[in-house]
Amino acid sequence: MTFNSDPQKRQAGLEKMSEVYSFEMSDGLGDFFGYTVEHLFGDIWQRPGLSMRDRRLMLIAALVAGGGMDGTVGIQIDSALAKGDLTPDDLREITLFLTHYLGWPKGAALNSQVETAIARAEKS
């Protein structure tokens, strides 16, 4: 099965990815990238009803809950700070709240990423 690309949806998805991640996204190859750009960012992230802030809050919580303390959490934190979707105080409160529901090891890892991102943002 091969992904059938829609050029308009692909462009809209690339633009939304750039907005969400706060850096310019270039097009990529393959079905996985196609579905990510056109469906996730071209459809799901474009839907009305939730603000960018709402989506970031849910995504950060979902990533931390799933143990996904990889680069995606850091990218979301950096972008949320850069775009003004979340403040340093918001991120610290999110960390404290999630720690009590998801456990101290996950909370400690999130805290480290949050404080590192805040320090980076304050330098620039």
PDB file of N, CA and C in Angstrom:
ATOM      1  N   MET A   1       0.851  -1.174   0.000  1.00  0.00           N
ATOM      2  CA  MET A   1       0.000   0.000   0.000  1.00  0.00           C
ATOM      3  C   MET A   1       0.898   1.238   0.000  1.00  0.00           C
ATOM      4  N   THR A   2       0.628   2.159  -0.900  1.00  0.00           N
ATOM      5  CA  THR A   2       1.435   3.365  -1.004  1.00  0.00           C
ATOM      6  C   THR A   2       0.586   4.578  -0.674  1.00  0.00           C
ATOM      7  N   PHE A   3       1.170   5.499   0.030  1.00  0.00           N
ATOM      8  CA  PHE A   3       0.510   6.729   0.428  1.00  0.00           C
ATOM      9  C   PHE A   3       0.255   7.604  -0.795  1.00  0.00           C
ATOM     10  N   ASN A   4      -0.975   8.083  -0.948  1.00  0.00           N
ATOM     11  CA  ASN A   4      -1.328   9.008  -2.032  1.00  0.00           C
ATOM     12  C   ASN A   4      -1.256  10.426  -1.497  1.00  0.00           C
ATOM     13  N   SER A   5      -0.262  11.168  -1.924  1.00  0.00           N
ATOM     14  CA  SER A   5      -0.025  12.494  -1.406  1.00  0.00           C
ATOM     15  C   SER A   5      -0.973  13.530  -1.995  1.00  0.00           C
ATOM     16  N   ASP A   6      -1.389  14.470  -1.146  1.00  0.00           N
ATOM     17  CA  ASP A   6      -2.193  15.614  -1.547  1.00  0.00           C
ATOM     18  C   ASP A   6      -1.307  16.848  -1.360  1.00  0.00           C
ATOM     19  N   PRO A   7      -0.870  17.484  -2.457  1.00  0.00           N
ATOM     20  CA  PRO A   7       0.083  18.597  -2.353  1.00  0.00           C
ATOM     21  C   PRO A   7      -0.374  19.740  -1.445  1.00  0.00           C
ATOM     22  N   GLN A   8      -1.660  20.091  -1.471  1.00  0.00           N
ATOM     23  CA  GLN A   8      -2.150  21.173  -0.609  1.00  0.00           C
ATOM     24  C   GLN A   8      -2.094  20.777   0.863  1.00  0.00           C
ATOM     25  N   LYS A   9      -2.521  19.556   1.149  1.00  0.00           N
ATOM     26  CA  LYS A   9      -2.499  19.081   2.535  1.00  0.00           C
ATOM     27  C   LYS A   9      -1.057  18.930   3.023  1.00  0.00           C
ATOM     28  N   ARG A  10      -0.191  18.517   2.126  1.00  0.00           N
ATOM     29  CA  ARG A  10       1.220  18.354   2.483  1.00  0.00           C
ATOM     30  C   ARG A  10       1.821  19.709   2.849  1.00  0.00           C
ATOM     31  N   GLN A  11       1.549  20.741   2.059  1.00  0.00           N
ATOM     32  CA  GLN A  11       2.071  22.069   2.346  1.00  0.00           C
ATOM     33  C   GLN A  11       1.505  22.600   3.663  1.00  0.00           C
ATOM     34  N   ALA A  12       0.201  22.423   3.872  1.00  0.00           N
ATOM     35  CA  ALA A  12      -0.422  22.857   5.127  1.00  0.00           C
ATOM     36  C   ALA A  12       0.190  22.106   6.309  1.00  0.00           C
ATOM     37  N   GLY A  13       0.437  20.818   6.130  1.00  0.00           N
ATOM     38  CA  GLY A  13       1.048  20.013   7.190  1.00  0.00           C
ATOM     39  C   GLY A  13       2.463  20.456   7.500  1.00  0.00           C
ATOM     40  N   LEU A  14       3.253  20.738   6.477  1.00  0.00           N
ATOM     41  CA  LEU A  14       4.626  21.215   6.689  1.00  0.00           C
ATOM     42  C   LEU A  14       4.625  22.560   7.411  1.00  0.00           C
ATOM     43  N   GLU A  15       3.690  23.437   7.048  1.00  0.00           N
ATOM     44  CA  GLU A  15       3.598  24.729   7.724  1.00  0.00           C
ATOM     45  C   GLU A  15       3.208  24.561   9.191  1.00  0.00           C
ATOM     46  N   LYS A  16       2.266  23.664   9.471  1.00  0.00           N
ATOM     47  CA  LYS A  16       1.840  23.426  10.858  1.00  0.00           C
ATOM     48  C   LYS A  16       2.971  22.784  11.653  1.00  0.00           C
ATOM     49  N   MET A  17       3.705  21.846  11.045  1.00  0.00           N
ATOM     50  CA  MET A  17       4.857  21.239  11.724  1.00  0.00           C
ATOM     51  C   MET A  17       5.875  22.318  12.095  1.00  0.00           C
ATOM     52  N   SER A  18       6.131  23.229  11.172  1.00  0.00           N
ATOM     53  CA  SER A  18       7.078  24.314  11.441  1.00  0.00           C
ATOM     54  C   SER A  18       6.583  25.176  12.590  1.00  0.00           C
ATOM     55  N   GLU A  19       5.278  25.441  12.629  1.00  0.00           N
ATOM     56  CA  GLU A  19       4.705  26.229  13.723  1.00  0.00           C
ATOM     57  C   GLU A  19       4.813  25.486  15.058  1.00  0.00           C
ATOM     58  N   VAL A  20       4.463  24.206  15.048  1.00  0.00           N
ATOM     59  CA  VAL A  20       4.475  23.413  16.281  1.00  0.00           C
ATOM     60  C   VAL A  20       5.896  23.257  16.819  1.00  0.00           C
ATOM     61  N   TYR A  21       6.852  22.994  15.944  1.00  0.00           N
ATOM     62  CA  TYR A  21       8.218  22.722  16.376  1.00  0.00           C
ATOM     63  C   TYR A  21       9.103  23.959  16.453  1.00  0.00           C
ATOM     64  N   SER A  22       8.623  25.093  15.930  1.00  0.00           N
ATOM     65  CA  SER A  22       9.384  26.351  15.956  1.00  0.00           C
ATOM     66  C   SER A  22      10.685  26.283  15.178  1.00  0.00           C
ATOM     67  N   PHE A  23      10.731  25.450  14.169  1.00  0.00           N
ATOM     68  CA  PHE A  23      11.836  25.472  13.215  1.00  0.00           C
ATOM     69  C   PHE A  23      11.297  24.999  11.872  1.00  0.00           C
ATOM     70  N   GLU A  24      11.963  25.433  10.820  1.00  0.00           N
ATOM     71  CA  GLU A  24      11.502  25.143   9.461  1.00  0.00           C
ATOM     72  C   GLU A  24      11.596  23.647   9.158  1.00  0.00           C
ATOM     73  N   MET A  25      10.484  23.089   8.743  1.00  0.00           N
ATOM     74  CA  MET A  25      10.446  21.673   8.373  1.00  0.00           C
ATOM     75  C   MET A  25      10.622  21.553   6.866  1.00  0.00           C
ATOM     76  N   SER A  26      11.450  20.630   6.466  1.00  0.00           N
ATOM     77  CA  SER A  26      11.590  20.350   5.039  1.00  0.00           C
ATOM     78  C   SER A  26      10.836  19.068   4.732  1.00  0.00           C
ATOM     79  N   ASP A  27      10.474  18.916   3.498  1.00  0.00           N
ATOM     80  CA  ASP A  27       9.724  17.737   3.079  1.00  0.00           C
ATOM     81  C   ASP A  27      10.591  16.494   3.218  1.00  0.00           C
ATOM     82  N   GLY A  28       9.958  15.363   3.363  1.00  0.00           N
ATOM     83  CA  GLY A  28      10.679  14.107   3.523  1.00  0.00           C
ATOM     84  C   GLY A  28      10.091  13.024   2.632  1.00  0.00           C
ATOM     85  N   LEU A  29      10.682  11.882   2.709  1.00  0.00           N
ATOM     86  CA  LEU A  29      10.299  10.756   1.864  1.00  0.00           C
ATOM     87  C   LEU A  29       9.567   9.689   2.654  1.00  0.00           C
ATOM     88  N   GLY A  30       8.837   8.884   1.951  1.00  0.00           N
ATOM     89  CA  GLY A  30       8.251   7.683   2.536  1.00  0.00           C
ATOM     90  C   GLY A  30       6.837   7.870   3.051  1.00  0.00           C
ATOM     91  N   ASP A  31       6.170   6.745   3.185  1.00  0.00           N
ATOM     92  CA  ASP A  31       4.792   6.742   3.668  1.00  0.00           C
ATOM     93  C   ASP A  31       4.666   7.258   5.088  1.00  0.00           C
ATOM     94  N   PHE A  32       5.587   6.867   5.971  1.00  0.00           N
ATOM     95  CA  PHE A  32       5.496   7.312   7.356  1.00  0.00           C
ATOM     96  C   PHE A  32       5.532   8.827   7.438  1.00  0.00           C
ATOM     97  N   PHE A  33       6.484   9.435   6.743  1.00  0.00           N
ATOM     98  CA  PHE A  33       6.576  10.895   6.738  1.00  0.00           C
ATOM     99  C   PHE A  33       5.323  11.502   6.110  1.00  0.00           C
ATOM    100  N   GLY A  34       4.829  10.905   5.044  1.00  0.00           N
ATOM    101  CA  GLY A  34       3.629  11.407   4.385  1.00  0.00           C
ATOM    102  C   GLY A  34       2.424  11.422   5.306  1.00  0.00           C
ATOM    103  N   TYR A  35       2.188  10.331   6.014  1.00  0.00           N
ATOM    104  CA  TYR A  35       1.068  10.284   6.960  1.00  0.00           C
ATOM    105  C   TYR A  35       1.275  11.266   8.107  1.00  0.00           C
ATOM    106  N   THR A  36       2.501  11.386   8.573  1.00  0.00           N
ATOM    107  CA  THR A  36       2.781  12.317   9.660  1.00  0.00           C
ATOM    108  C   THR A  36       2.455  13.743   9.239  1.00  0.00           C
ATOM    109  N   VAL A  37       2.954  14.141   8.082  1.00  0.00           N
ATOM    110  CA  VAL A  37       2.750  15.511   7.610  1.00  0.00           C
ATOM    111  C   VAL A  37       1.293  15.761   7.237  1.00  0.00           C
ATOM    112  N   GLU A  38       0.744  14.912   6.394  1.00  0.00           N
ATOM    113  CA  GLU A  38      -0.570  15.198   5.837  1.00  0.00           C
ATOM    114  C   GLU A  38      -1.727  14.853   6.763  1.00  0.00           C
ATOM    115  N   HIS A  39      -1.601  13.777   7.526  1.00  0.00           N
ATOM    116  CA  HIS A  39      -2.707  13.423   8.420  1.00  0.00           C
ATOM    117  C   HIS A  39      -2.541  14.083   9.796  1.00  0.00           C
ATOM    118  N   LEU A  40      -1.430  13.811  10.456  1.00  0.00           N
ATOM    119  CA  LEU A  40      -1.263  14.335  11.816  1.00  0.00           C
ATOM    120  C   LEU A  40      -1.230  15.864  11.823  1.00  0.00           C
ATOM    121  N   PHE A  41      -0.350  16.449  11.000  1.00  0.00           N
ATOM    122  CA  PHE A  41      -0.216  17.905  11.016  1.00  0.00           C
ATOM    123  C   PHE A  41      -1.128  18.608  10.021  1.00  0.00           C
ATOM    124  N   GLY A  42      -1.504  17.939   8.945  1.00  0.00           N
ATOM    125  CA  GLY A  42      -2.398  18.536   7.959  1.00  0.00           C
ATOM    126  C   GLY A  42      -3.867  18.442   8.344  1.00  0.00           C
ATOM    127  N   ASP A  43      -4.223  17.444   9.167  1.00  0.00           N
ATOM    128  CA  ASP A  43      -5.612  17.265   9.611  1.00  0.00           C
ATOM    129  C   ASP A  43      -5.769  17.484  11.117  1.00  0.00           C
ATOM    130  N   ILE A  44      -5.153  16.628  11.906  1.00  0.00           N
ATOM    131  CA  ILE A  44      -5.404  16.593  13.352  1.00  0.00           C
ATOM    132  C   ILE A  44      -4.989  17.887  14.048  1.00  0.00           C
ATOM    133  N   TRP A  45      -3.785  18.369  13.793  1.00  0.00           N
ATOM    134  CA  TRP A  45      -3.325  19.619  14.424  1.00  0.00           C
ATOM    135  C   TRP A  45      -4.077  20.832  13.892  1.00  0.00           C
ATOM    136  N   GLN A  46      -4.792  20.707  12.782  1.00  0.00           N
ATOM    137  CA  GLN A  46      -5.510  21.830  12.174  1.00  0.00           C
ATOM    138  C   GLN A  46      -6.956  21.940  12.673  1.00  0.00           C
ATOM    139  N   ARG A  47      -7.446  20.913  13.344  1.00  0.00           N
ATOM    140  CA  ARG A  47      -8.851  20.895  13.749  1.00  0.00           C
ATOM    141  C   ARG A  47      -9.175  22.038  14.703  1.00  0.00           C
ATOM    142  N   PRO A  48     -10.398  22.562  14.611  1.00  0.00           N
ATOM    143  CA  PRO A  48     -10.821  23.588  15.563  1.00  0.00           C
ATOM    144  C   PRO A  48     -11.145  22.948  16.910  1.00  0.00           C
ATOM    145  N   GLY A  49     -11.290  23.764  17.905  1.00  0.00           N
ATOM    146  CA  GLY A  49     -11.750  23.262  19.202  1.00  0.00           C
ATOM    147  C   GLY A  49     -10.696  23.267  20.286  1.00  0.00           C
ATOM    148  N   LEU A  50      -9.437  23.106  19.922  1.00  0.00           N
ATOM    149  CA  LEU A  50      -8.362  23.141  20.916  1.00  0.00           C
ATOM    150  C   LEU A  50      -7.324  24.164  20.473  1.00  0.00           C
ATOM    151  N   SER A  51      -6.824  24.897  21.422  1.00  0.00           N
ATOM    152  CA  SER A  51      -5.760  25.856  21.123  1.00  0.00           C
ATOM    153  C   SER A  51      -4.423  25.125  21.009  1.00  0.00           C
ATOM    154  N   MET A  52      -3.440  25.827  20.493  1.00  0.00           N
ATOM    155  CA  MET A  52      -2.085  25.261  20.446  1.00  0.00           C
ATOM    156  C   MET A  52      -1.637  24.917  21.869  1.00  0.00           C
ATOM    157  N   ARG A  53      -1.932  25.790  22.816  1.00  0.00           N
ATOM    158  CA  ARG A  53      -1.573  25.557  24.221  1.00  0.00           C
ATOM    159  C   ARG A  53      -2.214  24.261  24.733  1.00  0.00           C
ATOM    160  N   ASP A  54      -3.499  24.092  24.461  1.00  0.00           N
ATOM    161  CA  ASP A  54      -4.196  22.868  24.882  1.00  0.00           C
ATOM    162  C   ASP A  54      -3.509  21.624  24.320  1.00  0.00           C
ATOM    163  N   ARG A  55      -3.195  21.681  23.044  1.00  0.00           N
ATOM    164  CA  ARG A  55      -2.574  20.528  22.389  1.00  0.00           C
ATOM    165  C   ARG A  55      -1.189  20.251  22.979  1.00  0.00           C
ATOM    166  N   ARG A  56      -0.430  21.309  23.242  1.00  0.00           N
ATOM    167  CA  ARG A  56       0.895  21.123  23.842  1.00  0.00           C
ATOM    168  C   ARG A  56       0.787  20.498  25.232  1.00  0.00           C
ATOM    169  N   LEU A  57      -0.158  20.977  26.034  1.00  0.00           N
ATOM    170  CA  LEU A  57      -0.342  20.415  27.371  1.00  0.00           C
ATOM    171  C   LEU A  57      -0.624  18.919  27.303  1.00  0.00           C
ATOM    172  N   MET A  58      -1.538  18.544  26.423  1.00  0.00           N
ATOM    173  CA  MET A  58      -1.884  17.123  26.301  1.00  0.00           C
ATOM    174  C   MET A  58      -0.710  16.309  25.771  1.00  0.00           C
ATOM    175  N   LEU A  59      -0.010  16.856  24.792  1.00  0.00           N
ATOM    176  CA  LEU A  59       1.103  16.112  24.202  1.00  0.00           C
ATOM    177  C   LEU A  59       2.234  15.922  25.208  1.00  0.00           C
ATOM    178  N   ILE A  60       2.575  16.962  25.935  1.00  0.00           N
ATOM    179  CA  ILE A  60       3.633  16.836  26.942  1.00  0.00           C
ATOM    180  C   ILE A  60       3.237  15.782  27.969  1.00  0.00           C
ATOM    181  N   ALA A  61       2.007  15.844  28.462  1.00  0.00           N
ATOM    182  CA  ALA A  61       1.551  14.862  29.455  1.00  0.00           C
ATOM    183  C   ALA A  61       1.572  13.447  28.886  1.00  0.00           C
ATOM    184  N   ALA A  62       1.110  13.284  27.648  1.00  0.00           N
ATOM    185  CA  ALA A  62       1.083  11.952  27.035  1.00  0.00           C
ATOM    186  C   ALA A  62       2.494  11.405  26.843  1.00  0.00           C
ATOM    187  N   LEU A  63       3.409  12.248  26.396  1.00  0.00           N
ATOM    188  CA  LEU A  63       4.787  11.797  26.182  1.00  0.00           C
ATOM    189  C   LEU A  63       5.449  11.395  27.489  1.00  0.00           C
ATOM    190  N   VAL A  64       5.257  12.210  28.512  1.00  0.00           N
ATOM    191  CA  VAL A  64       5.863  11.890  29.806  1.00  0.00           C
ATOM    192  C   VAL A  64       5.225  10.626  30.374  1.00  0.00           C
ATOM    193  N   ALA A  65       3.910  10.502  30.286  1.00  0.00           N
ATOM    194  CA  ALA A  65       3.216   9.320  30.811  1.00  0.00           C
ATOM    195  C   ALA A  65       3.701   8.049  30.131  1.00  0.00           C
ATOM    196  N   GLY A  66       3.934   8.141  28.841  1.00  0.00           N
ATOM    197  CA  GLY A  66       4.391   6.974  28.093  1.00  0.00           C
ATOM    198  C   GLY A  66       5.876   6.715  28.226  1.00  0.00           C
ATOM    199  N   GLY A  67       6.555   7.532  28.979  1.00  0.00           N
ATOM    200  CA  GLY A  67       7.994   7.355  29.154  1.00  0.00           C
ATOM    201  C   GLY A  67       8.799   7.902  27.997  1.00  0.00           C
ATOM    202  N   GLY A  68       8.165   8.673  27.136  1.00  0.00           N
ATOM    203  CA  GLY A  68       8.831   9.205  25.958  1.00  0.00           C
ATOM    204  C   GLY A  68       9.599  10.476  26.234  1.00  0.00           C
ATOM    205  N   MET A  69      10.593  10.374  27.086  1.00  0.00           N
ATOM    206  CA  MET A  69      11.379  11.557  27.445  1.00  0.00           C
ATOM    207  C   MET A  69      12.522  11.750  26.457  1.00  0.00           C
ATOM    208  N   ASP A  70      12.207  11.511  25.195  1.00  0.00           N
ATOM    209  CA  ASP A  70      13.194  11.694  24.143  1.00  0.00           C
ATOM    210  C   ASP A  70      13.186  13.151  23.685  1.00  0.00           C
ATOM    211  N   GLY A  71      13.661  13.397  22.524  1.00  0.00           N
ATOM    212  CA  GLY A  71      13.757  14.753  22.013  1.00  0.00           C
ATOM    213  C   GLY A  71      12.430  15.439  21.788  1.00  0.00           C
ATOM    214  N   THR A  72      11.343  14.679  21.613  1.00  0.00           N
ATOM    215  CA  THR A  72      10.055  15.290  21.320  1.00  0.00           C
ATOM    216  C   THR A  72       9.568  16.159  22.472  1.00  0.00           C
ATOM    217  N   VAL A  73       9.738  15.711  23.699  1.00  0.00           N
ATOM    218  CA  VAL A  73       9.330  16.517  24.850  1.00  0.00           C
ATOM    219  C   VAL A  73      10.133  17.817  24.878  1.00  0.00           C
ATOM    220  N   GLY A  74      11.428  17.713  24.683  1.00  0.00           N
ATOM    221  CA  GLY A  74      12.270  18.902  24.679  1.00  0.00           C
ATOM    222  C   GLY A  74      11.903  19.872  23.574  1.00  0.00           C
ATOM    223  N   ILE A  75      11.596  19.356  22.399  1.00  0.00           N
ATOM    224  CA  ILE A  75      11.181  20.211  21.287  1.00  0.00           C
ATOM    225  C   ILE A  75       9.891  20.936  21.641  1.00  0.00           C
ATOM    226  N   GLN A  76       8.941  20.221  22.226  1.00  0.00           N
ATOM    227  CA  GLN A  76       7.677  20.846  22.614  1.00  0.00           C
ATOM    228  C   GLN A  76       7.879  21.923  23.680  1.00  0.00           C
ATOM    229  N   ILE A  77       8.724  21.650  24.642  1.00  0.00           N
ATOM    230  CA  ILE A  77       8.986  22.628  25.706  1.00  0.00           C
ATOM    231  C   ILE A  77       9.655  23.863  25.126  1.00  0.00           C
ATOM    232  N   ASP A  78      10.691  23.664  24.325  1.00  0.00           N
ATOM    233  CA  ASP A  78      11.385  24.800  23.699  1.00  0.00           C
ATOM    234  C   ASP A  78      10.429  25.631  22.854  1.00  0.00           C
ATOM    235  N   SER A  79       9.627  24.966  22.051  1.00  0.00           N
ATOM    236  CA  SER A  79       8.706  25.671  21.169  1.00  0.00           C
ATOM    237  C   SER A  79       7.625  26.398  21.959  1.00  0.00           C
ATOM    238  N   ALA A  80       7.100  25.756  23.003  1.00  0.00           N
ATOM    239  CA  ALA A  80       6.072  26.396  23.835  1.00  0.00           C
ATOM    240  C   ALA A  80       6.604  27.678  24.465  1.00  0.00           C
ATOM    241  N   LEU A  81       7.834  27.654  24.918  1.00  0.00           N
ATOM    242  CA  LEU A  81       8.456  28.864  25.482  1.00  0.00           C
ATOM    243  C   LEU A  81       8.665  29.923  24.402  1.00  0.00           C
ATOM    244  N   ALA A  82       9.191  29.505  23.261  1.00  0.00           N
ATOM    245  CA  ALA A  82       9.486  30.448  22.181  1.00  0.00           C
ATOM    246  C   ALA A  82       8.221  31.111  21.647  1.00  0.00           C
ATOM    247  N   LYS A  83       7.147  30.363  21.548  1.00  0.00           N
ATOM    248  CA  LYS A  83       5.893  30.885  20.992  1.00  0.00           C
ATOM    249  C   LYS A  83       5.023  31.567  22.043  1.00  0.00           C
ATOM    250  N   GLY A  84       5.387  31.428  23.322  1.00  0.00           N
ATOM    251  CA  GLY A  84       4.584  32.024  24.379  1.00  0.00           C
ATOM    252  C   GLY A  84       3.347  31.224  24.739  1.00  0.00           C
ATOM    253  N   ASP A  85       3.287  29.967  24.267  1.00  0.00           N
ATOM    254  CA  ASP A  85       2.143  29.115  24.613  1.00  0.00           C
ATOM    255  C   ASP A  85       2.165  28.717  26.082  1.00  0.00           C
ATOM    256  N   LEU A  86       3.363  28.546  26.622  1.00  0.00           N
ATOM    257  CA  LEU A  86       3.546  28.214  28.031  1.00  0.00           C
ATOM    258  C   LEU A  86       4.682  29.059  28.592  1.00  0.00           C
ATOM    259  N   THR A  87       4.515  29.514  29.819  1.00  0.00           N
ATOM    260  CA  THR A  87       5.542  30.307  30.488  1.00  0.00           C
ATOM    261  C   THR A  87       6.424  29.388  31.328  1.00  0.00           C
ATOM    262  N   PRO A  88       7.564  29.895  31.800  1.00  0.00           N
ATOM    263  CA  PRO A  88       8.358  29.082  32.726  1.00  0.00           C
ATOM    264  C   PRO A  88       7.543  28.645  33.948  1.00  0.00           C
ATOM    265  N   ASP A  89       6.725  29.537  34.491  1.00  0.00           N
ATOM    266  CA  ASP A  89       5.890  29.157  35.639  1.00  0.00           C
ATOM    267  C   ASP A  89       4.892  28.063  35.270  1.00  0.00           C
ATOM    268  N   ASP A  90       4.296  28.154  34.074  1.00  0.00           N
ATOM    269  CA  ASP A  90       3.382  27.095  33.615  1.00  0.00           C
ATOM    270  C   ASP A  90       4.099  25.753  33.563  1.00  0.00           C
ATOM    271  N   LEU A  91       5.282  25.743  32.960  1.00  0.00           N
ATOM    272  CA  LEU A  91       6.028  24.487  32.806  1.00  0.00           C
ATOM    273  C   LEU A  91       6.435  23.896  34.150  1.00  0.00           C
ATOM    274  N   ARG A  92       6.806  24.753  35.079  1.00  0.00           N
ATOM    275  CA  ARG A  92       7.156  24.245  36.420  1.00  0.00           C
ATOM    276  C   ARG A  92       5.937  23.667  37.125  1.00  0.00           C
ATOM    277  N   GLU A  93       4.789  24.303  36.957  1.00  0.00           N
ATOM    278  CA  GLU A  93       3.554  23.798  37.570  1.00  0.00           C
ATOM    279  C   GLU A  93       3.120  22.481  36.925  1.00  0.00           C
ATOM    280  N   ILE A  94       3.246  22.399  35.607  1.00  0.00           N
ATOM    281  CA  ILE A  94       2.942  21.151  34.890  1.00  0.00           C
ATOM    282  C   ILE A  94       3.827  20.028  35.418  1.00  0.00           C
ATOM    283  N   THR A  95       5.100  20.319  35.592  1.00  0.00           N
ATOM    284  CA  THR A  95       6.048  19.319  36.103  1.00  0.00           C
ATOM    285  C   THR A  95       5.639  18.829  37.473  1.00  0.00           C
ATOM    286  N   LEU A  96       5.322  19.738  38.357  1.00  0.00           N
ATOM    287  CA  LEU A  96       4.929  19.362  39.722  1.00  0.00           C
ATOM    288  C   LEU A  96       3.652  18.522  39.703  1.00  0.00           C
ATOM    289  N   PHE A  97       2.688  18.934  38.905  1.00  0.00           N
ATOM    290  CA  PHE A  97       1.422  18.212  38.805  1.00  0.00           C
ATOM    291  C   PHE A  97       1.621  16.804  38.241  1.00  0.00           C
ATOM    292  N   LEU A  98       2.315  16.712  37.118  1.00  0.00           N
ATOM    293  CA  LEU A  98       2.517  15.404  36.487  1.00  0.00           C
ATOM    294  C   LEU A  98       3.345  14.467  37.356  1.00  0.00           C
ATOM    295  N   THR A  99       4.290  15.008  38.091  1.00  0.00           N
ATOM    296  CA  THR A  99       5.120  14.183  38.971  1.00  0.00           C
ATOM    297  C   THR A  99       4.258  13.385  39.944  1.00  0.00           C
ATOM    298  N   HIS A 100       3.226  14.014  40.477  1.00  0.00           N
ATOM    299  CA  HIS A 100       2.389  13.347  41.473  1.00  0.00           C
ATOM    300  C   HIS A 100       1.474  12.287  40.868  1.00  0.00           C
ATOM    301  N   TYR A 101       1.205  12.368  39.590  1.00  0.00           N
ATOM    302  CA  TYR A 101       0.367  11.367  38.933  1.00  0.00           C
ATOM    303  C   TYR A 101       1.168  10.310  38.184  1.00  0.00           C
ATOM    304  N   LEU A 102       2.352  10.684  37.711  1.00  0.00           N
ATOM    305  CA  LEU A 102       3.118   9.768  36.864  1.00  0.00           C
ATOM    306  C   LEU A 102       4.347   9.186  37.537  1.00  0.00           C
ATOM    307  N   GLY A 103       4.688   9.703  38.694  1.00  0.00           N
ATOM    308  CA  GLY A 103       5.820   9.170  39.432  1.00  0.00           C
ATOM    309  C   GLY A 103       7.033  10.078  39.407  1.00  0.00           C
ATOM    310  N   TRP A 104       7.818   9.927  40.462  1.00  0.00           N
ATOM    311  CA  TRP A 104       8.970  10.799  40.650  1.00  0.00           C
ATOM    312  C   TRP A 104      10.041  10.654  39.573  1.00  0.00           C
ATOM    313  N   PRO A 105      10.378   9.462  39.116  1.00  0.00           N
ATOM    314  CA  PRO A 105      11.406   9.373  38.066  1.00  0.00           C
ATOM    315  C   PRO A 105      11.017  10.121  36.784  1.00  0.00           C
ATOM    316  N   LYS A 106       9.775   9.982  36.354  1.00  0.00           N
ATOM    317  CA  LYS A 106       9.334  10.706  35.162  1.00  0.00           C
ATOM    318  C   LYS A 106       9.291  12.201  35.433  1.00  0.00           C
ATOM    319  N   GLY A 107       8.829  12.571  36.616  1.00  0.00           N
ATOM    320  CA  GLY A 107       8.789  13.986  36.981  1.00  0.00           C
ATOM    321  C   GLY A 107      10.168  14.595  37.059  1.00  0.00           C
ATOM    322  N   ALA A 108      11.121  13.853  37.594  1.00  0.00           N
ATOM    323  CA  ALA A 108      12.497  14.349  37.687  1.00  0.00           C
ATOM    324  C   ALA A 108      13.102  14.543  36.298  1.00  0.00           C
ATOM    325  N   ALA A 109      12.833  13.612  35.397  1.00  0.00           N
ATOM    326  CA  ALA A 109      13.330  13.742  34.025  1.00  0.00           C
ATOM    327  C   ALA A 109      12.698  14.953  33.338  1.00  0.00           C
ATOM    328  N   LEU A 110      11.397  15.138  33.535  1.00  0.00           N
ATOM    329  CA  LEU A 110      10.717  16.299  32.962  1.00  0.00           C
ATOM    330  C   LEU A 110      11.263  17.585  33.567  1.00  0.00           C
ATOM    331  N   ASN A 111      11.445  17.603  34.867  1.00  0.00           N
ATOM    332  CA  ASN A 111      11.977  18.792  35.532  1.00  0.00           C
ATOM    333  C   ASN A 111      13.336  19.189  34.953  1.00  0.00           C
ATOM    334  N   SER A 112      14.169  18.213  34.721  1.00  0.00           N
ATOM    335  CA  SER A 112      15.483  18.490  34.152  1.00  0.00           C
ATOM    336  C   SER A 112      15.352  19.133  32.775  1.00  0.00           C
ATOM    337  N   GLN A 113      14.477  18.595  31.936  1.00  0.00           N
ATOM    338  CA  GLN A 113      14.285  19.156  30.598  1.00  0.00           C
ATOM    339  C   GLN A 113      13.664  20.553  30.664  1.00  0.00           C
ATOM    340  N   VAL A 114      12.710  20.736  31.551  1.00  0.00           N
ATOM    341  CA  VAL A 114      12.065  22.047  31.704  1.00  0.00           C
ATOM    342  C   VAL A 114      13.079  23.094  32.145  1.00  0.00           C
ATOM    343  N   GLU A 115      13.860  22.799  33.179  1.00  0.00           N
ATOM    344  CA  GLU A 115      14.817  23.780  33.687  1.00  0.00           C
ATOM    345  C   GLU A 115      15.912  24.080  32.662  1.00  0.00           C
ATOM    346  N   THR A 116      16.333  23.075  31.928  1.00  0.00           N
ATOM    347  CA  THR A 116      17.326  23.288  30.869  1.00  0.00           C
ATOM    348  C   THR A 116      16.757  24.191  29.780  1.00  0.00           C
ATOM    349  N   ALA A 117      15.514  23.941  29.382  1.00  0.00           N
ATOM    350  CA  ALA A 117      14.873  24.756  28.344  1.00  0.00           C
ATOM    351  C   ALA A 117      14.665  26.193  28.822  1.00  0.00           C
ATOM    352  N   ILE A 118      14.268  26.358  30.056  1.00  0.00           N
ATOM    353  CA  ILE A 118      14.072  27.707  30.598  1.00  0.00           C
ATOM    354  C   ILE A 118      15.395  28.461  30.615  1.00  0.00           C
ATOM    355  N   ALA A 119      16.446  27.817  31.052  1.00  0.00           N
ATOM    356  CA  ALA A 119      17.773  28.459  31.079  1.00  0.00           C
ATOM    357  C   ALA A 119      18.208  28.852  29.674  1.00  0.00           C
ATOM    358  N   ARG A 120      17.981  27.972  28.703  1.00  0.00           N
ATOM    359  CA  ARG A 120      18.311  28.283  27.307  1.00  0.00           C
ATOM    360  C   ARG A 120      17.512  29.478  26.808  1.00  0.00           C
ATOM    361  N   ALA A 121      16.226  29.496  27.112  1.00  0.00           N
ATOM    362  CA  ALA A 121      15.351  30.577  26.652  1.00  0.00           C
ATOM    363  C   ALA A 121      15.760  31.912  27.291  1.00  0.00           C
ATOM    364  N   GLU A 122      16.152  31.868  28.545  1.00  0.00           N
ATOM    365  CA  GLU A 122      16.542  33.104  29.236  1.00  0.00           C
ATOM    366  C   GLU A 122      17.860  33.664  28.705  1.00  0.00           C
ATOM    367  N   LYS A 123      18.723  32.783  28.170  1.00  0.00           N
ATOM    368  CA  LYS A 123      19.996  33.243  27.578  1.00  0.00           C
ATOM    369  C   LYS A 123      19.787  33.926  26.244  1.00  0.00           C
ATOM    370  N   SER A 124      18.746  33.505  25.517  1.00  0.00           N
ATOM    371  CA  SER A 124      18.558  34.062  24.167  1.00  0.00           C
ATOM    372  C   SER A 124      17.608  35.220  24.123  1.00  0.00           C
TER     373      SER A 124
END
